[in-house]
Amino acid sequence: MPLRLVFMGTPDFAVPTLLEIVGSGHEVVAVYTRAPQPAGRRGLELTPSPVAREAGRFGLTIFTPKTLKDLDAVDLMRAHSADAAVVVAYGLILPKPILDAFPLGCFNLHASLLPRWRGAAPIHRAIMAGDRETGVMVMKMDEGLDTGPIALELRVPIGPDATTGALHDELARRGAKLLPIALGALERGSLTLTPQAATGATYAAKIDKSETRIDWTQAWQEVHNHCRGLSPIPGAWFELAGSRIKVLRTAKGDGEGRPGTVLDDRLTIACGKGAVRIVELQRAGGKPMAAEEFLRGTAVAPASLVN
């Protein structure tokens, strides 16, 4: 029989999985997501999460609690009489009473090859670290931070110039196909769980604003990984003539020099070792543009310094 499910997710990454589950014949009895957030230039409009928007299209019942730690939240969760929960980038911690509310358990779709990059920003951290491979995993949740046993995994190579934005979209698509396979096995009673490896755990802390400024004293590869790992959000940046410039794409540049020095008329900038060439960038409040377009409207003389 089809499963009765609670779906818990918030951002765009979770939407493809919700759509696949709805289309797979399982009954989504409730959707939990984060409350509407202020948006617009003045932050006066409350905007529902991407998951809430999609759930509304299907007429699903939506809940936006601020916490799941009180007794009322636990009682409501039990009242759904769901077999299992599916969690995809929800944003709230699930305490043990919530985990225990589902006879078959809670299953999380996580965007890394656990135990590597447990935590909030696994896609950003994998690229920033220069990893050549990542993936998506379906994990049965326990009380730890992404420590539960693995049901299914799918490995995905990371190209040398891949950005977080592109990898995010690919993993969202692939994860959306993987999760229903796990639910099908769960429904049949044939889902196999494997404990995570005891070694190799790393933690993907949320990106802090203090990390986003480009450090030109690093080698070109580290600068390149930093820029693509933060692209497009929150964005690595530097200052040019007092203006903040967000860097969206870079490539290996030619030449060397004092870190932060502009080396040519193509916006190649020296690093601690080697150089990077900026391919795509964005002014504060502006639209993304190619470096060539930027240079047509902004003079950046070779031998000048950026901060």
Protein backbone atom coordinates (compact mmCIF):
# COMPACT_ATOMS: atom_id res chain seq x y z
CA MET A 1 0.00 0.00 0.00
CA PRO A 2 1.15 3.58 -0.59
CA LEU A 3 2.81 5.22 2.39
CA ARG A 4 1.35 8.06 4.42
CA LEU A 5 4.09 10.67 4.54
CA VAL A 6 4.95 13.96 6.16
CA PHE A 7 7.22 16.04 3.95
CA MET A 8 9.59 18.51 5.62
CA GLY A 9 11.58 20.93 3.47
CA THR A 10 12.03 24.60 2.68
CA PRO A 11 14.28 25.81 -0.20
CA ASP A 12 14.37 25.23 -3.95
CA PHE A 13 16.58 22.18 -3.41
CA ALA A 14 13.65 20.34 -1.79
CA VAL A 15 11.04 21.12 -4.46
CA PRO A 16 11.95 18.43 -7.05
CA THR A 17 11.76 15.75 -4.36
CA LEU A 18 8.33 16.93 -3.22
CA LEU A 19 7.08 16.83 -6.81
CA GLU A 20 8.43 13.31 -7.36
CA ILE A 21 6.84 12.03 -4.17
CA VAL A 22 3.47 13.56 -5.02
CA GLY A 23 3.68 11.92 -8.44
CA SER A 24 4.73 8.54 -7.07
CA GLY A 25 1.36 7.70 -5.54
CA HIS A 26 2.26 8.09 -1.86
CA GLU A 27 -0.07 10.20 0.29
CA VAL A 28 1.51 13.41 1.59
CA VAL A 29 -0.66 14.11 4.64
CA ALA A 30 1.22 17.24 5.74
CA VAL A 31 4.00 19.53 4.57
CA TYR A 32 6.26 21.25 7.12
CA THR A 33 8.30 24.22 5.99
CA ARG A 34 9.76 27.44 7.32
CA ALA A 35 7.43 30.39 7.88
CA PRO A 36 7.14 33.11 5.20
CA GLN A 37 10.11 35.45 5.22
CA PRO A 38 10.34 39.21 4.53
CA ALA A 39 11.24 39.97 0.92
CA GLY A 40 11.25 42.85 -1.52
CA ARG A 41 13.50 45.88 -1.46
CA ARG A 42 12.15 47.08 1.87
CA GLY A 43 11.44 43.67 3.33
CA LEU A 44 7.77 44.50 3.83
CA GLU A 45 6.31 41.57 1.90
CA LEU A 46 6.15 38.10 3.43
CA THR A 47 7.13 35.47 0.88
CA PRO A 48 6.33 31.77 1.37
CA SER A 49 9.11 29.24 0.96
CA PRO A 50 9.56 27.49 -2.40
CA VAL A 51 8.21 24.28 -0.84
CA ALA A 52 5.15 26.11 0.51
CA ARG A 53 4.40 27.52 -2.93
CA GLU A 54 4.54 24.11 -4.58
CA ALA A 55 2.60 22.41 -1.78
CA GLY A 56 -0.12 25.03 -2.16
CA ARG A 57 -0.45 24.22 -5.85
CA PHE A 58 -1.36 20.65 -4.93
CA GLY A 59 -3.70 21.63 -2.10
CA LEU A 60 -1.49 20.01 0.53
CA THR A 61 -1.87 20.96 4.18
CA ILE A 62 1.02 23.22 5.22
CA PHE A 63 2.47 23.80 8.70
CA THR A 64 5.10 26.42 9.57
CA PRO A 65 6.00 25.94 13.26
CA LYS A 66 8.84 27.96 14.77
CA THR A 67 9.98 24.94 16.78
CA LEU A 68 9.34 21.20 17.05
CA LYS A 69 10.53 20.94 20.62
CA ASP A 70 7.27 21.51 22.53
CA LEU A 71 4.62 18.94 23.39
CA ASP A 72 2.01 20.50 21.12
CA ALA A 73 4.29 20.02 18.10
CA VAL A 74 4.85 16.37 19.00
CA ASP A 75 1.12 15.72 19.55
CA LEU A 76 0.27 17.31 16.20
CA MET A 77 2.92 15.26 14.42
CA ARG A 78 1.53 12.05 15.90
CA ALA A 79 -1.99 13.09 14.91
CA HIS A 80 -1.02 12.90 11.23
CA SER A 81 -0.79 9.09 11.64
CA ALA A 82 1.98 9.05 9.04
CA ASP A 83 4.14 6.01 8.35
CA ALA A 84 7.32 8.00 7.73
CA ALA A 85 8.72 11.47 7.21
CA VAL A 86 10.83 12.75 4.33
CA VAL A 87 13.22 15.59 5.22
CA VAL A 88 15.03 17.70 2.61
CA ALA A 89 16.81 20.86 3.77
CA TYR A 90 14.06 21.66 6.25
CA GLY A 91 15.98 24.01 8.53
CA LEU A 92 14.73 22.96 11.96
CA ILE A 93 16.19 20.31 14.26
CA LEU A 94 14.04 17.23 14.72
CA PRO A 95 14.16 16.21 18.41
CA LYS A 96 13.84 12.56 19.43
CA PRO A 97 10.07 12.68 20.17
CA ILE A 98 9.50 13.87 16.59
CA LEU A 99 11.78 11.18 15.17
CA ASP A 100 9.89 8.60 17.22
CA ALA A 101 6.49 9.79 15.92
CA PHE A 102 6.90 7.78 12.70
CA PRO A 103 6.71 3.97 12.82
CA LEU A 104 9.01 3.54 9.81
CA GLY A 105 11.30 6.46 10.63
CA CYS A 106 12.44 9.79 9.18
CA PHE A 107 14.47 9.77 5.97
CA ASN A 108 16.72 12.65 4.98
CA LEU A 109 18.08 13.46 1.52
CA HIS A 110 21.57 14.88 2.07
CA ALA A 111 23.79 16.45 -0.59
CA SER A 112 27.15 14.85 0.17
CA LEU A 113 28.84 11.48 0.49
CA LEU A 114 28.46 11.01 4.22
CA PRO A 115 30.24 11.04 6.57
CA ARG A 116 32.04 13.75 4.57
CA TRP A 117 30.38 17.16 4.87
CA ARG A 118 27.78 16.63 7.54
CA GLY A 119 25.89 19.82 8.27
CA ALA A 120 24.34 22.88 6.67
CA ALA A 121 26.45 23.73 3.60
CA PRO A 122 27.75 20.49 2.05
CA ILE A 123 27.70 21.68 -1.58
CA HIS A 124 29.54 24.92 -0.87
CA ARG A 125 32.14 23.18 1.30
CA ALA A 126 32.82 20.36 -1.16
CA ILE A 127 33.66 22.80 -3.95
CA MET A 128 35.59 25.18 -1.70
CA ALA A 129 37.72 22.22 -0.58
CA GLY A 130 38.43 21.20 -4.17
CA ASP A 131 36.63 17.85 -3.91
CA ARG A 132 36.36 15.99 -7.19
CA GLU A 133 33.32 13.95 -6.24
CA THR A 134 30.17 14.36 -4.19
CA GLY A 135 26.68 12.89 -4.33
CA VAL A 136 23.30 12.51 -2.69
CA MET A 137 22.39 10.05 0.03
CA VAL A 138 19.14 8.89 1.58
CA MET A 139 19.76 8.48 5.29
CA LYS A 140 17.55 7.28 8.13
CA MET A 141 17.76 10.05 10.70
CA ASP A 142 18.86 9.66 14.29
CA GLU A 143 19.60 12.24 16.98
CA GLY A 144 23.06 13.07 15.64
CA LEU A 145 24.01 15.62 12.99
CA ASP A 146 23.66 13.62 9.76
CA THR A 147 24.97 10.49 11.49
CA GLY A 148 22.24 7.97 10.66
CA PRO A 149 22.61 4.82 8.55
CA ILE A 150 22.56 5.09 4.74
CA ALA A 151 19.82 3.59 2.60
CA LEU A 152 20.88 4.66 -0.90
CA GLU A 153 23.58 6.80 -2.50
CA LEU A 154 24.35 8.25 -5.91
CA ARG A 155 27.82 9.60 -6.70
CA VAL A 156 28.33 12.69 -8.86
CA PRO A 157 31.66 14.05 -10.20
CA ILE A 158 32.52 17.69 -9.57
CA GLY A 159 34.02 19.37 -12.64
CA PRO A 160 37.07 21.61 -12.16
CA ASP A 161 35.03 24.74 -12.94
CA ALA A 162 31.68 23.66 -11.46
CA THR A 163 29.91 26.23 -9.31
CA THR A 164 27.75 25.64 -6.28
CA GLY A 165 24.72 26.87 -8.23
CA ALA A 166 25.14 24.34 -11.03
CA LEU A 167 25.97 21.46 -8.69
CA HIS A 168 23.04 22.36 -6.42
CA ASP A 169 20.60 22.00 -9.32
CA GLU A 170 22.10 18.71 -10.50
CA LEU A 171 22.03 17.16 -7.03
CA ALA A 172 18.45 18.35 -6.49
CA ARG A 173 17.37 16.61 -9.70
CA ARG A 174 19.23 13.40 -8.95
CA GLY A 175 18.13 13.32 -5.33
CA ALA A 176 14.52 13.70 -6.41
CA LYS A 177 14.83 10.47 -8.39
CA LEU A 178 16.67 8.62 -5.62
CA LEU A 179 14.29 9.31 -2.73
CA PRO A 180 11.21 7.61 -4.29
CA ILE A 181 13.30 4.50 -4.92
CA ALA A 182 14.07 4.36 -1.20
CA LEU A 183 10.39 4.89 -0.35
CA GLY A 184 9.41 2.06 -2.69
CA ALA A 185 11.79 -0.30 -0.90
CA LEU A 186 10.53 0.96 2.46
CA GLU A 187 6.96 0.24 1.38
CA ARG A 188 7.92 -3.31 0.39
CA GLY A 189 9.89 -3.89 3.58
CA SER A 190 13.12 -4.41 1.64
CA LEU A 191 15.04 -1.24 2.45
CA THR A 192 18.57 -2.04 3.64
CA LEU A 193 20.44 0.34 5.96
CA THR A 194 24.22 0.53 6.23
CA PRO A 195 26.02 2.34 9.07
CA GLN A 196 28.17 5.27 8.02
CA ALA A 197 31.93 4.82 7.94
CA ALA A 198 33.57 5.31 11.32
CA THR A 199 36.28 7.56 9.85
CA GLY A 200 36.42 10.45 7.41
CA ALA A 201 33.78 12.70 8.95
CA THR A 202 33.99 16.41 8.10
CA TYR A 203 31.55 19.19 8.92
CA ALA A 204 30.00 21.68 6.53
CA ALA A 205 29.35 24.71 8.70
CA LYS A 206 27.00 27.39 7.43
CA ILE A 207 28.82 29.98 5.32
CA ASP A 208 29.67 33.04 7.39
CA LYS A 209 29.88 36.50 5.81
CA SER A 210 33.42 36.84 7.15
CA GLU A 211 34.51 34.02 4.80
CA THR A 212 33.29 35.56 1.59
CA ARG A 213 35.96 38.19 0.89
CA ILE A 214 38.62 36.94 -1.53
CA ASP A 215 42.09 36.45 -0.07
CA TRP A 216 44.45 37.11 -2.98
CA THR A 217 47.43 35.82 -0.99
CA GLN A 218 46.19 32.26 -1.49
CA ALA A 219 47.30 30.18 -4.47
CA TRP A 220 45.24 30.56 -7.62
CA GLN A 221 43.56 27.16 -7.21
CA GLU A 222 42.32 28.04 -3.72
CA VAL A 223 41.02 31.40 -4.95
CA HIS A 224 39.32 29.67 -7.88
CA ASN A 225 37.70 27.09 -5.59
CA HIS A 226 36.63 29.81 -3.17
CA CYS A 227 34.93 31.84 -5.90
CA ARG A 228 33.10 28.94 -7.55
CA GLY A 229 32.18 27.43 -4.19
CA LEU A 230 30.38 30.64 -3.18
CA SER A 231 28.77 31.26 -6.59
CA PRO A 232 26.15 32.55 -6.96
CA ILE A 233 25.11 32.85 -3.30
CA PRO A 234 26.42 34.34 -1.08
CA GLY A 235 29.19 35.23 -3.54
CA ALA A 236 32.93 35.77 -3.14
CA TRP A 237 33.89 39.42 -3.53
CA PHE A 238 36.60 42.05 -3.68
CA GLU A 239 36.66 45.84 -3.69
CA LEU A 240 37.53 47.93 -6.72
CA ALA A 241 37.68 51.73 -6.32
CA GLY A 242 35.53 51.47 -3.22
CA SER A 243 32.83 49.33 -4.87
CA ARG A 244 32.12 45.72 -3.97
CA ILE A 245 32.38 43.30 -6.90
CA LYS A 246 30.96 39.79 -6.61
CA VAL A 247 32.86 37.14 -8.57
CA LEU A 248 30.70 34.45 -10.16
CA ARG A 249 33.12 32.57 -12.43
CA THR A 250 36.89 32.42 -12.74
CA ALA A 251 39.52 30.54 -14.75
CA LYS A 252 43.25 29.96 -14.42
CA GLY A 253 45.09 33.08 -15.49
CA ASP A 254 48.58 33.65 -16.87
CA GLY A 255 51.35 35.47 -15.04
CA GLU A 256 52.37 36.25 -11.49
CA GLY A 257 52.80 39.33 -9.36
CA ARG A 258 51.99 40.95 -6.07
CA PRO A 259 48.73 39.40 -4.79
CA GLY A 260 45.77 41.53 -5.84
CA THR A 261 47.57 43.12 -8.81
CA VAL A 262 45.70 43.38 -12.12
CA LEU A 263 48.03 41.76 -14.66
CA ASP A 264 46.41 42.55 -18.02
CA ASP A 265 43.39 44.04 -19.78
CA ARG A 266 41.33 40.83 -19.32
CA LEU A 267 40.91 41.20 -15.55
CA THR A 268 43.55 38.65 -14.64
CA ILE A 269 44.54 39.11 -11.01
CA ALA A 270 47.69 37.83 -9.31
CA CYS A 271 47.36 35.45 -6.38
CA GLY A 272 49.88 34.21 -3.84
CA LYS A 273 50.90 31.66 -6.46
CA GLY A 274 49.74 32.04 -10.05
CA ALA A 275 46.71 34.07 -11.08
CA VAL A 276 43.00 33.84 -11.81
CA ARG A 277 41.10 35.46 -14.64
CA ILE A 278 37.66 36.74 -13.74
CA VAL A 279 35.13 35.46 -16.28
CA GLU A 280 31.81 36.64 -14.84
CA LEU A 281 31.03 39.14 -12.11
CA GLN A 282 28.30 41.27 -10.60
CA ARG A 283 28.26 44.81 -9.22
CA ALA A 284 26.42 45.41 -5.96
CA GLY A 285 22.76 45.74 -6.89
CA GLY A 286 23.47 44.92 -10.54
CA LYS A 287 23.02 41.96 -12.86
CA PRO A 288 25.61 39.28 -13.63
CA MET A 289 27.80 40.18 -16.60
CA ALA A 290 30.80 38.89 -18.48
CA ALA A 291 34.11 40.46 -17.56
CA GLU A 292 34.44 41.83 -21.10
CA GLU A 293 31.16 43.71 -20.73
CA PHE A 294 32.23 45.06 -17.33
CA LEU A 295 35.53 46.32 -18.74
CA ARG A 296 33.80 48.18 -21.56
CA GLY A 297 32.19 50.42 -18.96
CA THR A 298 34.86 50.43 -16.25
CA ALA A 299 38.53 51.17 -16.79
CA VAL A 300 40.77 48.80 -14.83
CA ALA A 301 44.39 49.57 -15.62
CA PRO A 302 47.03 46.83 -15.54
CA ALA A 303 49.28 47.12 -12.46
CA SER A 304 46.42 48.54 -10.37
CA LEU A 305 45.51 46.80 -7.11
CA VAL A 306 42.19 45.33 -5.92
CA ASN A 307 41.37 44.67 -2.28
